[in-house]
């Protein structure tokens, strides 16, 4: 007959018995750079998603409003709600349009013309509208016409990305 002394467990904390708890391998989401250092102040396109998205593990994302954020390495689209990443979708198609030199020259000429016109009275000079134009040129949409997958389309300025989500 073996006598078990339960006082050893009761009087000691679990950290004394097992000082090195098991840890997950890899980085936690909080430790990754795109979360750790926050998002830039500019806004991202907002998607009004009417569908319930479900992954192969049974986790789902309810319908709602989500910001669609393209990762810094441009390989993933994130569903962000309240500054928390709810889901990630790999980018399958990425198109980045280059700004032509002539468009850039015209924009600089227009800025110089405005500067000269309002040189004596800078308070009346209209504000720079480039950020507003860029924000007007962003969109996000999700398409469910195909029976097998959803198509997530992202456009922000001169960058367009497409991702596919299996149903």
Protein backbone atom coordinates (compact mmCIF):
# COMPACT_ATOMS: atom_id res chain seq x y z
CA UNK A 1 0.00 0.00 0.00
CA UNK A 2 1.35 3.40 -1.03
CA UNK A 3 0.68 6.50 1.04
CA UNK A 4 0.25 9.72 -0.95
CA UNK A 5 1.02 12.96 0.81
CA UNK A 6 -1.41 15.57 -0.59
CA UNK A 7 0.04 18.30 1.62
CA UNK A 8 2.92 18.74 -0.83
CA UNK A 9 0.54 19.88 -3.56
CA UNK A 10 -1.71 21.88 -1.22
CA UNK A 11 1.11 23.87 0.42
CA UNK A 12 3.04 24.66 -2.74
CA UNK A 13 2.02 26.69 -5.73
CA UNK A 14 1.91 25.04 -9.18
CA UNK A 15 4.84 27.28 -10.25
CA UNK A 16 7.03 25.61 -7.59
CA UNK A 17 6.32 22.15 -8.94
CA UNK A 18 6.40 23.05 -12.66
CA UNK A 19 8.58 26.19 -12.92
CA UNK A 20 8.63 26.28 -16.74
CA UNK A 21 5.09 26.26 -18.16
CA UNK A 22 4.51 25.12 -21.72
CA UNK A 23 4.56 27.92 -24.30
CA UNK A 24 3.37 28.09 -27.87
CA UNK A 25 5.97 28.21 -30.58
CA UNK A 26 6.15 31.17 -32.94
CA UNK A 27 5.02 34.74 -32.41
CA UNK A 28 1.77 35.72 -30.76
CA UNK A 29 -0.37 38.20 -32.68
CA UNK A 30 0.41 40.90 -30.08
CA UNK A 31 4.14 40.52 -30.77
CA UNK A 32 3.95 40.93 -34.54
CA UNK A 33 5.16 44.24 -35.95
CA UNK A 34 1.99 45.32 -37.73
CA UNK A 35 0.07 45.10 -34.44
CA UNK A 36 2.81 46.14 -32.03
CA UNK A 37 3.52 49.45 -33.72
CA UNK A 38 -0.08 50.22 -34.69
CA UNK A 39 -1.64 51.38 -37.90
CA UNK A 40 -0.87 54.67 -39.58
CA UNK A 41 -3.29 57.53 -39.00
CA UNK A 42 -4.77 57.28 -42.50
CA UNK A 43 -7.98 55.34 -42.90
CA UNK A 44 -8.66 52.08 -44.70
CA UNK A 45 -11.65 51.03 -46.80
CA UNK A 46 -14.64 49.77 -44.81
CA UNK A 47 -16.53 46.65 -45.87
CA UNK A 48 -20.18 46.12 -44.95
CA UNK A 49 -20.18 42.32 -44.90
CA UNK A 50 -23.64 40.70 -45.04
CA UNK A 51 -22.39 37.07 -44.89
CA UNK A 52 -21.31 34.76 -42.08
CA UNK A 53 -17.80 33.57 -42.93
CA UNK A 54 -16.72 30.23 -41.50
CA UNK A 55 -13.31 28.55 -41.61
CA UNK A 56 -12.47 24.84 -41.69
CA UNK A 57 -12.14 24.71 -37.88
CA UNK A 58 -15.70 25.95 -37.34
CA UNK A 59 -14.77 29.50 -36.26
CA UNK A 60 -16.94 32.16 -37.83
CA UNK A 61 -17.04 35.89 -38.41
CA UNK A 62 -20.47 37.49 -37.99
CA UNK A 63 -21.86 40.04 -40.46
CA UNK A 64 -20.86 43.63 -39.75
CA UNK A 65 -18.57 46.49 -40.66
CA UNK A 66 -14.88 45.68 -41.04
CA UNK A 67 -11.87 47.70 -42.11
CA UNK A 68 -9.91 45.85 -44.77
CA UNK A 69 -6.18 46.33 -44.24
CA UNK A 70 -3.42 45.20 -46.57
CA UNK A 71 -0.40 43.89 -44.66
CA UNK A 72 2.93 45.72 -45.06
CA UNK A 73 4.39 42.82 -47.08
CA UNK A 74 1.24 42.90 -49.29
CA UNK A 75 0.58 39.18 -48.99
CA UNK A 76 -2.44 39.24 -46.66
CA UNK A 77 -5.72 41.15 -46.31
CA UNK A 78 -6.95 41.57 -42.73
CA UNK A 79 -10.51 42.01 -41.45
CA UNK A 80 -10.08 44.57 -38.65
CA UNK A 81 -12.80 45.54 -36.20
CA UNK A 82 -12.10 47.88 -33.25
CA UNK A 83 -8.35 47.72 -34.00
CA UNK A 84 -8.37 43.93 -33.58
CA UNK A 85 -7.66 41.54 -36.42
CA UNK A 86 -10.61 39.19 -36.78
CA UNK A 87 -9.49 37.25 -39.87
CA UNK A 88 -6.82 37.13 -42.52
CA UNK A 89 -7.16 36.28 -46.21
CA UNK A 90 -4.16 35.55 -48.45
CA UNK A 91 -3.79 37.86 -51.46
CA UNK A 92 -3.99 35.96 -54.74
CA UNK A 93 -3.76 38.93 -57.11
CA UNK A 94 -2.01 42.25 -56.52
CA UNK A 95 -1.95 45.14 -58.98
CA UNK A 96 0.03 48.29 -58.22
CA UNK A 97 -0.42 51.11 -60.70
CA UNK A 98 2.52 53.41 -61.16
CA UNK A 99 1.95 57.18 -61.19
CA UNK A 100 3.15 58.65 -64.46
CA UNK A 101 5.70 61.45 -64.45
CA UNK A 102 3.33 63.72 -66.34
CA UNK A 103 0.59 63.35 -63.69
CA UNK A 104 3.12 64.15 -60.99
CA UNK A 105 4.39 67.21 -62.90
CA UNK A 106 0.82 68.47 -63.38
CA UNK A 107 0.11 68.07 -59.66
CA UNK A 108 3.28 69.99 -58.73
CA UNK A 109 2.45 72.74 -61.26
CA UNK A 110 -1.03 73.09 -59.79
CA UNK A 111 0.43 73.37 -56.28
CA UNK A 112 2.91 76.05 -57.41
CA UNK A 113 0.17 77.99 -59.19
CA UNK A 114 -1.95 78.03 -56.02
CA UNK A 115 1.06 79.05 -53.95
CA UNK A 116 1.81 82.01 -56.25
CA UNK A 117 -1.83 83.08 -56.40
CA UNK A 118 -2.23 83.18 -52.61
CA UNK A 119 1.34 84.21 -51.77
CA UNK A 120 0.31 87.49 -50.12
CA UNK A 121 -2.65 85.98 -48.24
CA UNK A 122 -1.85 82.36 -47.29
CA UNK A 123 -4.94 82.01 -45.07
CA UNK A 124 -7.20 82.11 -48.12
CA UNK A 125 -5.22 79.40 -49.91
CA UNK A 126 -7.27 76.19 -50.27
CA UNK A 127 -5.97 73.21 -48.38
CA UNK A 128 -4.15 70.38 -50.09
CA UNK A 129 -6.78 67.95 -51.42
CA UNK A 130 -4.47 65.03 -52.29
CA UNK A 131 -5.34 63.08 -49.11
CA UNK A 132 -9.06 63.64 -49.67
CA UNK A 133 -8.77 62.47 -53.29
CA UNK A 134 -6.84 59.39 -52.17
CA UNK A 135 -9.51 58.55 -49.58
CA UNK A 136 -12.22 58.94 -52.21
CA UNK A 137 -10.37 56.38 -54.33
CA UNK A 138 -10.56 53.48 -51.87
CA UNK A 139 -13.09 50.69 -51.67
CA UNK A 140 -13.64 47.15 -50.42
CA UNK A 141 -16.26 44.67 -51.59
CA UNK A 142 -17.15 41.02 -51.23
CA UNK A 143 -18.84 39.03 -53.98
CA UNK A 144 -20.72 35.74 -53.45
CA UNK A 145 -21.79 34.92 -57.02
CA UNK A 146 -19.62 31.82 -57.16
CA UNK A 147 -20.92 28.76 -55.28
CA UNK A 148 -17.50 27.66 -54.02
CA UNK A 149 -15.88 30.87 -52.74
CA UNK A 150 -16.29 34.56 -51.91
CA UNK A 151 -14.20 37.12 -53.77
CA UNK A 152 -12.78 39.92 -51.60
CA UNK A 153 -11.72 43.00 -53.59
CA UNK A 154 -9.61 45.78 -52.08
CA UNK A 155 -8.65 49.10 -53.64
CA UNK A 156 -6.74 51.87 -51.93
CA UNK A 157 -5.23 54.56 -54.12
CA UNK A 158 -3.05 52.89 -56.71
CA UNK A 159 -3.09 49.40 -55.10
CA UNK A 160 -5.68 46.75 -55.94
CA UNK A 161 -5.73 43.33 -54.27
CA UNK A 162 -7.99 40.30 -54.59
CA UNK A 163 -8.41 37.42 -52.15
CA UNK A 164 -10.58 34.31 -52.22
CA UNK A 165 -12.45 32.85 -49.24
CA UNK A 166 -13.76 29.28 -49.51
CA UNK A 167 -17.41 28.79 -48.53
